[in-house]
Amino acid sequence: MGVDISRFKIIVFVYSAILASLAGSLYAHYLNFINPSTFDLFFSIKLLIMIALGGMHNIWGAIIGAGLITFMSYEWLHYFKELEVIVYGAILLIITIFFPNGLVGVPGIIKDFFRR
């Protein structure tokens, strides 16, 4: 088709690296200190759950997922101190099995259900 896919992949990779370095330097400037334990495995899992909960294919899904997980972790999930990883795993499992498009895809599931 004439589109150089490898060139565009490199451009997107470099662009994402620039944005990540800019975000990291702004975060370091804001905190005046960087600690590797700030970005541990659990933080990465939390980010993954935020995206999967809202929906990966829509910007509003990511915003909704981030808002819900942030609200749930401060309001409800602090009761499960030691079981917090298991609760997050259960949330990810339920979302992956029953809502593969996240919560943003629920209206489509309801519409398909009533179409039958």
Foldseek 3Di string as FASTA:
>chain_A
DPDDVVVVVVVVVVVVVVVVVVVVVVVCVVVVDDDVVVDDPVNVLLLVQLDLQQFVPDPVRSVVSVVVSVCCVVPPLVVVVPCSVVVSVVSNVCSVPPPRGHPVCVVVVVVVVVVD
